[in-house]
Amino acid sequence: MTLLASLTAAGLAYVLTWAVRWLAPRAGLVDRPRPDRWHRRPVPRLGGVAVYLGFTVPLLLFWEPASRRDLAALLLGGGAIFLAGLADDLLRLESRPKLLLLVLCALVPAAAGVRFELFDPLLGVPLAVFWVLGATNAFNWLDNMDGVAAGVAVVAAAALVAFSVRAHGEVAMPGLLLGAAALGFLAHNFPPARVFLGDCGSGFLGLTLAVLALIGSYQDVSNVLLTVLVPGLILAVPIFDTATVTVLRVLNRRPLFLGGRDHPAHRLVALGLSERRVVLLLYGLSAVAAALGLAASSLDVLAGMTVTVVLALGFVALGLVLAEVQVYEGEGSRNGGVPPSVNGADGTVTVLPAPFLHKKWVAVMLADLVLVATAFIAAHLLRFEGHLPSPVALGVARALPAVLAAKVVGLWVAGAYRGAWRYAGALDLVRLVEGVTLGAGLGALVLAVWTRFEGLSRAALVLDWLLAVMLLASSRLSLRLLREYLAAQAAVGRPVLIFGAGRGGTLVLQEIRQNRALGYRPVGFVDDDPEKRGVIVQGLRVLGSRHELADLVRRYGVEEVLVAAPSAPAEVVEEVVAAARAAGARPRRVGLVVE
């Protein structure tokens, strides 16, 4: 029965999408290219009709819910948001009436009785309305590139199914049907898209997933707080997209509810990734977040919060890297800037330490506080196998302020807030370890005098030092690693080969990846050392020797050969230059044209 139901949903959505693709252009229902939209050719819309019917029809045929409330919430809420989105797709509503319709649609599931069950109704109902409204709007915004919204919906629906099966819950069948319907549509929508969801589809996916999360999430979590965190983890990618766009539009004084090419997916493409790679990356992030949500559901509150904090900081790091991408007209560089003066307007000198004069370092300190607290709590969770006895939980809560203060003081004294972490190296990490060690020692001294370690584990304090080093180092290096990883995935630019896979070649590769204005796309190294053949250097393979250069130039369509082997004999360099020119590529030596 389950297999038949899922095949019915996927098949119906797939066939109906074909019908929409044929009918929509004949009815003039086509999205044409616009400056604030991503697509570059006319594409039929209203694919959401296929998703809606592909889900609703099998739901009525195959699902026998234990509660009529759940069926009513899905049918009435889904129908309301589908009609509201359809009206917008047909009439192109302004933002204010559209927002009003979204609010009214979010009230429908609550009117049918859906809420956060473990909360008092006075809190559970408003919280449910806010959650449904946020998820619906998030999916509307997420539908900004081919295949993103539908694919993320498939991943989120699969997570809800897994969640329900483990909990013997009620949403396995509707979750399966929704994922199958989205998958049937995705066959037409994966890049390059032949049809778009439209607001009737994206809003329907968001609201239905939000309602399913409310129906099923409370049945298999260990505490009240996780009933909120787990659904958020399952829909982490839409939430991340909405939060990133909102924050950056507000900071750049851009209209909040107008379309734009400033979503995370667009910024990733601007970094040089192909559209398909971006879509698959977002699917992967959604799957990781959903898996952590499933894991968090079986943990206690502190462990679940620790998992959530670590994931959230990972998304924050990605958001900071993407914020550096210039997508707004007239936007200046974010990589530099003149630091504020330490003197006041009247010539007086401020008493604040230098790091507090920079907003960036204040933000770093705040992030450090979160990470230090996470490390201290996680250390005790590890020591007590995931569940803190009441005396230990009380001791941890009482000691936490002293630990936070001591660690930040130690980091400041060691100079951890005076480095340039964009170019962090081994010495910067040593300074970080010194700061954490100093802070841990100072904190242990304070705790010994103040609490005599009452309710605390001395072994956990050692684990705390190790976890703090790991988390703080990861937070510093994550931005650099993300930049380098995304730069390495770039699929745009003039293809070039680098002759020399030694120190000179790696420095040239780093400069190419950090300076996108050069317009290069490295395809590989060339090196005469036979031991380096096939070796991967900073993600780039050594493809062969100079004797194979002409063949490599033709095979990879190389336009330039960068000679980055300063110790190579002159006759070798001349041979490389001649081979490059003979193959039709332009030779350059360490950025200079070779004559």
Protein backbone atom coordinates (compact mmCIF):
# COMPACT_ATOMS: atom_id res chain seq x y z
CA MET A 1 0.00 0.00 0.00
CA THR A 2 2.80 2.41 0.90
CA LEU A 3 4.65 1.73 -2.34
CA LEU A 4 1.46 2.11 -4.38
CA ALA A 5 0.65 5.40 -2.66
CA SER A 6 4.11 6.88 -3.25
CA LEU A 7 4.16 5.75 -6.90
CA THR A 8 0.71 7.27 -7.39
CA ALA A 9 1.83 10.61 -5.94
CA ALA A 10 5.06 10.74 -7.93
CA GLY A 11 3.44 9.55 -11.15
CA LEU A 12 0.48 11.91 -10.88
CA ALA A 13 2.72 14.91 -10.18
CA TYR A 14 5.04 13.97 -13.04
CA VAL A 15 2.21 13.59 -15.59
CA LEU A 16 0.36 16.71 -14.43
CA THR A 17 3.57 18.71 -14.70
CA TRP A 18 3.76 17.68 -18.37
CA ALA A 19 0.20 18.99 -18.76
CA VAL A 20 1.14 22.30 -17.08
CA ARG A 21 4.17 22.64 -19.34
CA TRP A 22 1.87 22.30 -22.38
CA LEU A 23 -1.05 24.43 -21.16
CA ALA A 24 0.68 27.31 -19.35
CA PRO A 25 2.41 28.86 -22.40
CA ARG A 26 -0.84 28.70 -24.37
CA ALA A 27 -2.61 30.57 -21.56
CA GLY A 28 0.16 33.17 -21.28
CA LEU A 29 1.24 31.87 -17.86
CA VAL A 30 4.97 32.21 -18.43
CA ASP A 31 7.64 33.85 -16.30
CA ARG A 32 9.78 36.01 -18.54
CA PRO A 33 13.31 37.14 -17.66
CA ARG A 34 13.47 40.19 -15.38
CA PRO A 35 16.38 42.02 -13.72
CA ASP A 36 15.29 40.82 -10.26
CA ARG A 37 14.81 37.17 -11.30
CA TRP A 38 17.38 34.49 -11.96
CA HIS A 39 16.09 32.74 -15.08
CA ARG A 40 17.27 33.95 -18.48
CA ARG A 41 14.54 32.54 -20.73
CA PRO A 42 10.72 32.29 -20.63
CA VAL A 43 9.59 29.38 -18.41
CA PRO A 44 6.01 28.19 -17.76
CA ARG A 45 4.79 28.58 -14.17
CA LEU A 46 2.01 26.96 -12.10
CA GLY A 47 3.88 23.69 -11.59
CA GLY A 48 2.51 23.89 -8.06
CA VAL A 49 -0.84 22.70 -9.43
CA ALA A 50 0.76 19.34 -10.18
CA VAL A 51 2.39 19.15 -6.74
CA TYR A 52 -0.85 20.07 -4.97
CA LEU A 53 -2.95 17.49 -6.80
CA GLY A 54 -0.16 14.92 -6.72
CA PHE A 55 -0.26 15.14 -2.91
CA THR A 56 -3.95 15.76 -2.18
CA VAL A 57 -5.51 13.07 -4.36
CA PRO A 58 -3.40 10.17 -2.97
CA LEU A 59 -3.82 11.59 0.54
CA LEU A 60 -7.58 11.19 0.27
CA LEU A 61 -7.24 7.74 -1.29
CA PHE A 62 -4.62 6.11 0.93
CA TRP A 63 -4.32 7.89 4.30
CA GLU A 64 -6.46 6.90 7.24
CA PRO A 65 -5.47 9.31 10.01
CA ALA A 66 -6.16 8.58 13.65
CA SER A 67 -7.35 12.16 14.06
CA ARG A 68 -9.67 14.03 11.69
CA ARG A 69 -7.96 17.18 12.94
CA ASP A 70 -4.74 16.25 11.15
CA LEU A 71 -6.50 15.58 7.86
CA ALA A 72 -8.50 18.79 8.15
CA ALA A 73 -5.37 20.83 8.88
CA LEU A 74 -3.57 19.45 5.84
CA LEU A 75 -6.50 19.74 3.46
CA LEU A 76 -7.82 23.11 4.61
CA GLY A 77 -4.43 24.69 5.23
CA GLY A 78 -2.95 23.29 2.02
CA GLY A 79 -6.00 24.28 0.01
CA ALA A 80 -5.99 27.81 1.42
CA ILE A 81 -2.33 28.49 0.68
CA PHE A 82 -2.62 26.87 -2.74
CA LEU A 83 -5.50 29.18 -3.69
CA ALA A 84 -3.73 32.22 -2.26
CA GLY A 85 -0.59 31.40 -4.23
CA LEU A 86 -2.64 30.70 -7.36
CA ALA A 87 -4.24 34.13 -7.05
CA ASP A 88 -0.78 35.69 -6.82
CA ASP A 89 0.47 33.69 -9.81
CA LEU A 90 -2.51 34.79 -11.91
CA LEU A 91 -2.98 38.36 -10.70
CA ARG A 92 0.51 39.34 -9.47
CA LEU A 93 -0.61 40.68 -6.09
CA GLU A 94 1.24 43.47 -4.31
CA SER A 95 3.31 42.58 -1.25
CA ARG A 96 0.84 43.85 1.37
CA PRO A 97 -2.27 41.90 0.27
CA LYS A 98 -0.05 38.90 -0.35
CA LEU A 99 1.33 39.09 3.20
CA LEU A 100 -2.21 39.38 4.56
CA LEU A 101 -3.22 36.23 2.68
CA LEU A 102 -0.20 34.38 4.06
CA VAL A 103 -1.17 35.35 7.62
CA LEU A 104 -4.75 34.19 7.07
CA CYS A 105 -3.54 30.89 5.62
CA ALA A 106 -1.24 30.35 8.61
CA LEU A 107 -4.28 30.72 10.89
CA VAL A 108 -6.15 27.90 9.13
CA PRO A 109 -4.14 24.94 10.59
CA ALA A 110 -4.33 26.53 14.04
CA ALA A 111 -8.10 26.89 13.65
CA ALA A 112 -8.21 23.19 12.80
CA GLY A 113 -6.49 22.43 16.11
CA VAL A 114 -2.81 22.15 15.19
CA ARG A 115 -0.40 23.63 17.71
CA PHE A 116 2.76 22.84 19.65
CA GLU A 117 1.19 20.16 21.83
CA LEU A 118 3.61 20.23 24.74
CA PHE A 119 2.98 23.92 25.39
CA ASP A 120 -0.02 25.54 27.00
CA PRO A 121 -2.53 26.57 24.28
CA LEU A 122 -1.98 30.25 25.09
CA LEU A 123 1.61 29.78 23.93
CA GLY A 124 1.30 26.75 21.67
CA VAL A 125 -1.25 28.26 19.26
CA PRO A 126 0.52 31.61 18.57
CA LEU A 127 3.83 29.79 18.30
CA ALA A 128 2.30 27.40 15.76
CA VAL A 129 0.90 30.29 13.69
CA PHE A 130 4.27 32.02 13.69
CA TRP A 131 6.02 28.77 12.72
CA VAL A 132 3.65 28.02 9.83
CA LEU A 133 3.84 31.60 8.56
CA GLY A 134 7.64 31.60 8.76
CA ALA A 135 8.04 28.25 7.01
CA THR A 136 5.59 29.22 4.27
CA ASN A 137 7.38 32.49 3.57
CA ALA A 138 10.76 30.75 3.77
CA PHE A 139 9.82 28.33 1.00
CA ASN A 140 8.43 31.20 -1.08
CA TRP A 141 11.82 32.88 -0.84
CA LEU A 142 13.74 29.62 -1.30
CA ASP A 143 12.13 29.13 -4.71
CA ASN A 144 14.71 31.40 -6.31
CA MET A 145 16.68 28.98 -8.48
CA ASP A 146 15.85 25.89 -10.52
CA GLY A 147 15.29 22.83 -8.38
CA VAL A 148 16.10 24.33 -4.98
CA ALA A 149 12.68 24.49 -3.27
CA ALA A 150 11.37 21.19 -4.63
CA GLY A 151 14.58 19.30 -3.84
CA VAL A 152 14.87 20.66 -0.31
CA ALA A 153 11.21 19.73 0.20
CA VAL A 154 12.02 16.14 -0.81
CA VAL A 155 14.84 16.00 1.76
CA ALA A 156 12.72 17.56 4.52
CA ALA A 157 9.79 15.23 3.78
CA ALA A 158 12.13 12.22 3.93
CA ALA A 159 13.37 13.40 7.33
CA LEU A 160 9.80 13.73 8.61
CA VAL A 161 9.02 10.23 7.37
CA ALA A 162 12.06 8.81 9.16
CA PHE A 163 11.12 10.75 12.27
CA SER A 164 7.55 9.43 12.20
CA VAL A 165 8.55 5.82 11.52
CA ARG A 166 10.90 5.81 14.49
CA ALA A 167 8.23 7.33 16.71
CA HIS A 168 5.38 5.20 15.29
CA GLY A 169 3.73 8.52 14.45
CA GLU A 170 1.00 9.59 12.06
CA VAL A 171 2.84 11.63 9.45
CA ALA A 172 4.78 8.89 7.67
CA MET A 173 2.18 8.47 4.92
CA PRO A 174 1.52 12.19 4.21
CA GLY A 175 5.24 12.92 4.45
CA LEU A 176 5.94 10.17 1.94
CA LEU A 177 3.23 11.46 -0.40
CA LEU A 178 4.51 15.03 -0.22
CA GLY A 179 8.09 13.96 -0.90
CA ALA A 180 6.96 11.75 -3.80
CA ALA A 181 4.87 14.54 -5.35
CA ALA A 182 7.76 16.99 -5.04
CA LEU A 183 10.10 14.42 -6.58
CA GLY A 184 7.77 13.88 -9.54
CA PHE A 185 7.75 17.62 -10.15
CA LEU A 186 11.52 17.90 -9.59
CA ALA A 187 12.10 15.73 -12.66
CA HIS A 188 10.89 18.75 -14.68
CA ASN A 189 12.36 21.44 -12.44
CA PHE A 190 15.95 20.30 -11.89
CA PRO A 191 18.38 22.66 -13.69
CA PRO A 192 17.73 23.67 -16.33
CA ALA A 193 14.07 23.98 -15.29
CA ARG A 194 11.34 23.42 -17.87
CA VAL A 195 8.63 24.65 -15.48
CA PHE A 196 8.44 26.66 -12.24
CA LEU A 197 6.50 25.94 -9.06
CA GLY A 198 4.94 29.36 -8.80
CA ASP A 199 3.74 30.72 -5.46
CA CYS A 200 0.92 28.17 -5.41
CA GLY A 201 3.55 25.42 -5.23
CA SER A 202 6.27 26.92 -3.04
CA GLY A 203 3.79 28.19 -0.46
CA PHE A 204 1.98 24.85 -0.45
CA LEU A 205 5.21 22.94 0.17
CA GLY A 206 6.22 25.27 3.00
CA LEU A 207 2.89 25.22 4.81
CA THR A 208 2.40 21.47 4.43
CA LEU A 209 5.89 20.67 5.73
CA ALA A 210 5.35 23.06 8.65
CA VAL A 211 2.04 21.39 9.56
CA LEU A 212 3.52 17.89 9.26
CA ALA A 213 6.36 18.92 11.56
CA LEU A 214 3.84 20.17 14.13
CA ILE A 215 1.73 17.04 13.89
CA GLY A 216 4.65 14.67 14.30
CA SER A 217 7.46 16.42 16.13
CA TYR A 218 6.13 16.28 19.68
CA GLN A 219 5.70 12.51 19.73
CA ASP A 220 9.36 11.51 19.96
CA VAL A 221 11.38 14.21 21.64
CA SER A 222 12.89 14.15 25.07
CA ASN A 223 11.85 17.60 26.26
CA VAL A 224 9.76 20.65 25.48
CA LEU A 225 12.57 22.76 24.03
CA LEU A 226 13.40 20.20 21.37
CA THR A 227 9.83 20.29 20.08
CA VAL A 228 10.82 23.70 18.69
CA LEU A 229 14.42 22.96 17.74
CA VAL A 230 13.85 19.71 15.83
CA PRO A 231 11.40 21.11 13.23
CA GLY A 232 13.77 24.06 12.81
CA LEU A 233 16.67 21.71 12.06
CA ILE A 234 14.63 19.79 9.51
CA LEU A 235 13.83 23.05 7.67
CA ALA A 236 17.23 24.64 8.34
CA VAL A 237 18.06 25.53 4.72
CA PRO A 238 14.85 27.56 4.06
CA ILE A 239 15.33 29.28 7.43
CA PHE A 240 18.98 30.04 6.58
CA ASP A 241 17.99 31.46 3.20
CA THR A 242 15.35 33.73 4.72
CA ALA A 243 17.57 34.88 7.60
CA THR A 244 20.52 35.64 5.31
CA VAL A 245 18.47 37.61 2.82
CA THR A 246 16.64 39.51 5.57
CA VAL A 247 19.78 40.52 7.47
CA LEU A 248 21.75 41.55 4.39
CA ARG A 249 18.87 43.51 2.87
CA VAL A 250 18.34 45.37 6.13
CA LEU A 251 22.07 46.11 6.50
CA ASN A 252 22.24 47.33 2.89
CA ARG A 253 18.94 49.25 3.15
CA ARG A 254 17.27 47.24 0.42
CA PRO A 255 13.51 46.58 0.11
CA LEU A 256 12.74 43.49 2.16
CA PHE A 257 9.81 42.01 0.24
CA LEU A 258 10.90 42.67 -3.33
CA GLY A 259 12.50 39.96 -5.45
CA GLY A 260 16.23 39.99 -5.97
CA ARG A 261 19.27 38.00 -7.02
CA ASP A 262 20.83 38.16 -3.56
CA HIS A 263 19.88 34.79 -2.07
CA PRO A 264 22.57 32.35 -0.87
CA ALA A 265 22.14 30.28 -4.04
CA HIS A 266 22.77 33.35 -6.20
CA ARG A 267 25.82 34.30 -4.16
CA LEU A 268 27.26 30.80 -4.54
CA VAL A 269 26.88 31.05 -8.31
CA ALA A 270 28.55 34.48 -8.18
CA LEU A 271 31.51 32.76 -6.50
CA GLY A 272 31.88 30.62 -9.61
CA LEU A 273 29.94 27.44 -8.78
CA SER A 274 27.67 25.98 -11.42
CA GLU A 275 23.92 26.07 -10.81
CA ARG A 276 23.71 22.30 -10.50
CA ARG A 277 26.57 22.19 -8.00
CA VAL A 278 24.86 24.89 -5.93
CA VAL A 279 21.57 23.00 -5.95
CA LEU A 280 23.27 19.75 -4.87
CA LEU A 281 25.19 21.62 -2.16
CA LEU A 282 21.94 22.96 -0.71
CA TYR A 283 20.44 19.46 -0.82
CA GLY A 284 23.46 18.19 1.11
CA LEU A 285 23.19 20.93 3.73
CA SER A 286 19.50 20.17 4.16
CA ALA A 287 20.24 16.45 4.61
CA VAL A 288 22.95 17.10 7.21
CA ALA A 289 20.72 19.46 9.18
CA ALA A 290 17.80 17.01 9.05
CA ALA A 291 20.03 14.15 10.23
CA LEU A 292 21.23 16.24 13.16
CA GLY A 293 17.60 17.08 13.93
CA LEU A 294 16.76 13.39 14.11
CA ALA A 295 19.78 12.80 16.36
CA ALA A 296 18.89 15.74 18.60
CA SER A 297 15.36 14.40 19.15
CA SER A 298 16.67 11.55 21.30
CA LEU A 299 19.02 13.67 23.41
CA ASP A 300 18.38 15.67 26.54
CA VAL A 301 17.94 19.42 26.38
CA LEU A 302 21.60 20.40 26.84
CA ALA A 303 22.90 17.89 24.32
CA GLY A 304 20.22 18.87 21.82
CA MET A 305 21.05 22.53 22.25
CA THR A 306 24.76 21.77 21.81
CA VAL A 307 24.10 20.06 18.48
CA THR A 308 21.87 22.94 17.40
CA VAL A 309 24.44 25.60 18.38
CA VAL A 310 27.25 23.89 16.45
CA LEU A 311 25.08 23.57 13.33
CA ALA A 312 23.85 27.15 13.66
CA LEU A 313 27.41 28.46 13.88
CA GLY A 314 28.26 26.50 10.75
CA PHE A 315 25.43 28.24 8.92
CA VAL A 316 26.59 31.58 10.35
CA ALA A 317 30.10 30.96 8.97
CA LEU A 318 28.64 30.20 5.54
CA GLY A 319 26.47 33.31 5.75
CA LEU A 320 29.50 35.49 6.58
CA VAL A 321 31.41 34.14 3.59
CA LEU A 322 28.44 34.69 1.27
CA ALA A 323 27.93 38.20 2.67
CA GLU A 324 31.31 39.13 1.19
CA VAL A 325 30.00 38.52 -2.32
CA GLN A 326 29.06 41.82 -3.95
CA VAL A 327 25.61 41.46 -5.49
CA TYR A 328 24.23 44.97 -4.97
CA GLU A 329 25.02 47.76 -7.40
CA GLY A 330 27.52 50.23 -5.96
CA GLU A 331 28.42 47.95 -3.07
CA GLY A 332 31.94 48.50 -1.78
CA SER A 333 34.46 45.94 -0.70
CA ARG A 334 33.90 44.20 2.60
CA ASN A 335 37.44 43.00 2.98
CA GLY A 336 39.08 46.13 4.11
CA GLY A 337 38.11 49.50 5.47
CA VAL A 338 39.73 52.06 7.72
CA PRO A 339 39.63 51.15 11.40
CA PRO A 340 37.96 53.62 13.72
CA SER A 341 40.13 56.12 15.55
CA VAL A 342 41.03 55.39 19.15
CA ASN A 343 40.58 59.07 19.94
CA GLY A 344 37.37 60.90 20.60
CA ALA A 345 36.24 63.99 18.70
CA ASP A 346 37.70 66.19 21.43
CA GLY A 347 41.09 64.49 21.36
CA THR A 348 40.48 62.30 24.40
CA VAL A 349 41.62 58.70 24.30
CA THR A 350 39.05 55.96 24.77
CA VAL A 351 39.48 53.57 27.68
CA LEU A 352 38.14 50.62 25.69
CA PRO A 353 40.64 47.96 24.57
CA ALA A 354 41.37 48.12 20.85
CA PRO A 355 39.30 45.04 19.89
CA PHE A 356 36.14 46.67 21.25
CA LEU A 357 36.52 49.49 18.71
CA HIS A 358 35.89 47.08 15.84
CA LYS A 359 32.41 45.67 15.29
CA LYS A 360 33.93 42.57 13.73
CA TRP A 361 35.88 41.68 16.85
CA VAL A 362 32.93 42.40 19.12
CA ALA A 363 30.99 39.88 17.03
CA VAL A 364 33.89 37.43 17.34
CA MET A 365 33.88 37.81 21.12
CA LEU A 366 30.15 37.16 21.26
CA ALA A 367 30.60 34.04 19.13
CA ASP A 368 33.42 32.95 21.43
CA LEU A 369 31.11 33.24 24.43
CA VAL A 370 28.66 30.88 22.74
CA LEU A 371 31.41 28.43 21.81
CA VAL A 372 33.02 28.49 25.26
CA ALA A 373 29.65 27.83 26.88
CA THR A 374 29.00 25.03 24.38
CA ALA A 375 32.40 23.45 25.12
CA PHE A 376 31.87 23.58 28.90
CA ILE A 377 28.41 22.04 28.72
CA ALA A 378 29.42 19.45 26.11
CA ALA A 379 32.41 18.39 28.22
CA HIS A 380 30.15 17.53 31.14
CA LEU A 381 27.67 15.80 28.83
CA LEU A 382 30.48 13.60 27.53
CA ARG A 383 31.67 12.90 31.05
CA PHE A 384 28.20 11.80 32.15
CA GLU A 385 27.29 10.00 28.91
CA GLY A 386 24.82 12.54 27.62
CA HIS A 387 22.64 13.09 30.69
CA LEU A 388 23.55 15.43 33.54
CA PRO A 389 22.44 14.54 37.09
CA SER A 390 20.61 17.39 38.81
CA PRO A 391 23.53 18.35 41.13
CA VAL A 392 25.90 18.46 38.16
CA ALA A 393 23.50 20.51 36.03
CA LEU A 394 23.20 22.99 38.91
CA GLY A 395 26.98 23.13 39.32
CA VAL A 396 27.49 23.72 35.59
CA ALA A 397 24.95 26.54 35.55
CA ARG A 398 26.55 28.21 38.58
CA ALA A 399 30.10 27.90 37.21
CA LEU A 400 29.33 28.99 33.65
CA PRO A 401 29.63 32.81 34.15
CA ALA A 402 33.07 32.45 35.75
CA VAL A 403 34.23 30.12 32.98
CA LEU A 404 33.04 32.52 30.27
CA ALA A 405 34.77 35.50 31.84
CA ALA A 406 38.03 33.64 32.44
CA LYS A 407 38.24 32.25 28.90
CA VAL A 408 37.59 35.60 27.21
CA VAL A 409 40.16 37.31 29.45
CA GLY A 410 42.69 34.59 28.62
CA LEU A 411 42.07 34.96 24.88
CA TRP A 412 42.38 38.73 25.07
CA VAL A 413 45.62 38.61 27.05
CA ALA A 414 47.11 36.10 24.59
CA GLY A 415 46.30 38.40 21.68
CA ALA A 416 43.62 36.24 20.05
CA TYR A 417 41.60 39.38 19.22
CA ARG A 418 44.45 41.15 17.44
CA GLY A 419 45.16 38.70 14.61
CA ALA A 420 44.00 38.66 10.99
CA TRP A 421 42.23 35.32 10.88
CA ARG A 422 41.61 35.56 7.14
CA TYR A 423 45.31 34.64 6.80
CA ALA A 424 45.58 32.51 9.94
CA GLY A 425 48.58 30.22 10.25
CA ALA A 426 50.28 27.97 12.77
CA LEU A 427 51.43 30.85 14.99
CA ASP A 428 47.88 32.18 15.25
CA LEU A 429 46.68 28.76 16.37
CA VAL A 430 49.46 28.60 18.96
CA ARG A 431 48.31 31.97 20.29
CA LEU A 432 44.75 30.66 20.46
CA VAL A 433 45.84 27.57 22.40
CA GLU A 434 47.78 29.80 24.78
CA GLY A 435 44.68 31.93 25.34
CA VAL A 436 42.43 28.94 25.99
CA THR A 437 45.02 27.41 28.34
CA LEU A 438 45.42 30.67 30.26
CA GLY A 439 41.64 31.06 30.47
CA ALA A 440 41.17 27.45 31.58
CA GLY A 441 43.78 27.85 34.30
CA LEU A 442 42.27 31.12 35.48
CA GLY A 443 38.79 29.60 35.43
CA ALA A 444 39.91 26.53 37.40
CA LEU A 445 41.49 28.79 40.01
CA VAL A 446 38.31 30.83 40.36
CA LEU A 447 36.15 27.69 40.59
CA ALA A 448 38.44 26.13 43.18
CA VAL A 449 38.19 29.19 45.41
CA TRP A 450 34.53 29.98 44.75
CA THR A 451 32.79 26.61 44.46
CA ARG A 452 35.48 24.07 45.48
CA PHE A 453 34.40 22.26 42.28
CA GLU A 454 31.09 21.34 43.88
CA GLY A 455 28.89 19.60 41.30
CA LEU A 456 31.67 19.70 38.72
CA SER A 457 33.85 16.98 37.26
CA ARG A 458 37.61 17.59 37.15
CA ALA A 459 37.85 15.24 34.17
CA ALA A 460 35.24 17.37 32.41
CA LEU A 461 37.44 20.43 32.90
CA VAL A 462 40.17 18.72 30.88
CA LEU A 463 37.63 17.83 28.19
CA ASP A 464 36.42 21.43 28.30
CA TRP A 465 39.92 22.69 27.44
CA LEU A 466 40.18 20.29 24.51
CA LEU A 467 36.69 21.10 23.17
CA ALA A 468 37.24 24.84 23.58
CA VAL A 469 40.44 24.65 21.54
CA MET A 470 38.70 22.62 18.85
CA LEU A 471 35.61 24.81 18.62
CA LEU A 472 37.44 28.14 18.73
CA ALA A 473 40.04 27.02 16.21
CA SER A 474 37.29 25.68 13.95
CA SER A 475 35.39 28.94 14.14
CA ARG A 476 38.49 30.89 13.06
CA LEU A 477 39.55 28.52 10.31
CA SER A 478 36.05 27.74 9.05
CA LEU A 479 35.73 31.03 7.15
CA ARG A 480 39.08 30.52 5.46
CA LEU A 481 38.31 26.88 4.68
CA LEU A 482 34.90 27.78 3.30
CA ARG A 483 36.39 30.49 1.08
CA GLU A 484 39.03 28.12 -0.25
CA TYR A 485 36.56 25.28 -0.76
CA LEU A 486 34.08 27.44 -2.64
CA ALA A 487 36.88 28.98 -4.71
CA ALA A 488 38.09 25.49 -5.61
CA GLN A 489 34.61 24.59 -6.87
CA ALA A 490 34.45 27.55 -9.23
CA ALA A 491 33.47 26.59 -12.77
CA VAL A 492 34.01 29.97 -14.46
CA GLY A 493 37.05 31.82 -15.72
CA ARG A 494 39.77 31.24 -18.29
CA PRO A 495 41.15 27.69 -17.96
CA VAL A 496 44.85 27.70 -17.05
CA LEU A 497 47.58 25.18 -16.28
CA ILE A 498 50.21 25.86 -13.62
CA PHE A 499 53.71 24.61 -14.38
CA GLY A 500 55.34 23.76 -11.06
CA ALA A 501 53.57 21.98 -8.22
CA GLY A 502 55.98 23.21 -5.57
CA ARG A 503 55.80 26.20 -3.27
CA GLY A 504 55.69 28.69 -6.13
CA GLY A 505 52.81 26.89 -7.81
CA THR A 506 50.76 26.62 -4.63
CA LEU A 507 51.24 30.34 -3.94
CA VAL A 508 50.01 31.14 -7.46
CA LEU A 509 47.01 28.83 -6.94
CA GLN A 510 46.13 30.54 -3.65
CA GLU A 511 46.32 33.97 -5.26
CA ILE A 512 44.06 32.86 -8.12
CA ARG A 513 41.47 31.53 -5.69
CA GLN A 514 41.57 34.57 -3.42
CA ASN A 515 41.57 37.13 -6.23
CA ARG A 516 38.59 36.39 -8.48
CA ALA A 517 39.34 39.56 -10.48
CA LEU A 518 42.13 37.64 -12.22
CA GLY A 519 39.47 35.60 -14.01
CA TYR A 520 41.42 32.34 -13.95
CA ARG A 521 40.12 28.78 -13.51
CA PRO A 522 42.99 26.38 -12.73
CA VAL A 523 42.48 22.94 -14.27
CA GLY A 524 45.65 21.27 -13.00
CA PHE A 525 49.40 21.32 -12.38
CA VAL A 526 52.19 20.30 -14.71
CA ASP A 527 55.41 19.11 -13.05
CA ASP A 528 58.41 17.09 -14.22
CA ASP A 529 58.85 15.28 -10.89
CA PRO A 530 57.59 11.70 -11.57
CA GLU A 531 56.71 11.25 -7.89
CA LYS A 532 54.18 14.08 -8.11
CA ARG A 533 52.28 12.66 -11.06
CA GLY A 534 48.65 12.10 -10.08
CA VAL A 535 49.18 13.78 -6.71
CA ILE A 536 46.49 16.26 -5.61
CA VAL A 537 47.92 19.57 -4.36
CA GLN A 538 45.37 21.79 -2.58
CA GLY A 539 42.57 20.09 -4.47
CA LEU A 540 44.25 20.33 -7.88
CA ARG A 541 45.76 17.28 -9.62
CA VAL A 542 49.22 17.08 -11.18
CA LEU A 543 48.22 16.04 -14.69
CA GLY A 544 51.60 15.30 -16.25
CA SER A 545 55.03 16.62 -17.21
CA ARG A 546 56.13 19.33 -19.61
CA HIS A 547 56.47 16.73 -22.35
CA GLU A 548 52.68 16.26 -22.24
CA LEU A 549 51.92 19.98 -22.05
CA ALA A 550 50.69 20.39 -25.63
CA ASP A 551 48.27 17.48 -25.27
CA LEU A 552 46.99 18.79 -21.92
CA VAL A 553 46.41 22.27 -23.39
CA ARG A 554 44.26 20.84 -26.16
CA ARG A 555 42.46 18.33 -23.93
CA TYR A 556 41.35 20.89 -21.33
CA GLY A 557 40.94 23.89 -23.64
CA VAL A 558 43.66 25.78 -21.74
CA GLU A 559 44.10 29.44 -22.68
CA GLU A 560 47.17 30.25 -20.56
CA VAL A 561 50.06 28.39 -18.96
CA LEU A 562 51.39 29.96 -15.75
CA VAL A 563 55.06 29.16 -15.17
CA ALA A 564 55.52 29.07 -11.39
CA ALA A 565 58.79 27.18 -10.99
CA PRO A 566 61.42 29.81 -10.08
CA SER A 567 64.13 27.18 -9.61
CA ALA A 568 63.60 25.55 -13.01
CA PRO A 569 66.56 25.84 -15.44
CA ALA A 570 66.22 28.41 -18.21
CA GLU A 571 66.17 25.76 -20.92
CA VAL A 572 63.24 23.99 -19.21
CA VAL A 573 61.28 27.24 -19.01
CA GLU A 574 61.98 27.95 -22.68
CA GLU A 575 60.73 24.48 -23.59
CA VAL A 576 57.52 25.04 -21.61
CA VAL A 577 57.01 28.43 -23.27
CA ALA A 578 57.53 26.96 -26.72
CA ALA A 579 55.19 24.03 -26.08
CA ALA A 580 52.46 26.34 -24.76
CA ARG A 581 52.69 28.66 -27.75
CA ALA A 582 52.74 25.78 -30.19
CA ALA A 583 49.52 24.45 -28.64
CA GLY A 584 47.81 27.86 -28.84
CA ALA A 585 48.07 28.86 -25.16
CA ARG A 586 49.61 32.04 -23.84
CA PRO A 587 52.57 31.49 -21.47
CA ARG A 588 53.09 33.64 -18.38
CA ARG A 589 55.75 33.51 -15.70
CA VAL A 590 54.66 34.42 -12.17
CA GLY A 591 52.11 36.88 -13.55
CA LEU A 592 54.43 38.38 -16.19
CA VAL A 593 54.16 37.76 -19.92
CA VAL A 594 56.99 35.57 -21.15
CA GLU A 595 58.53 36.91 -24.34
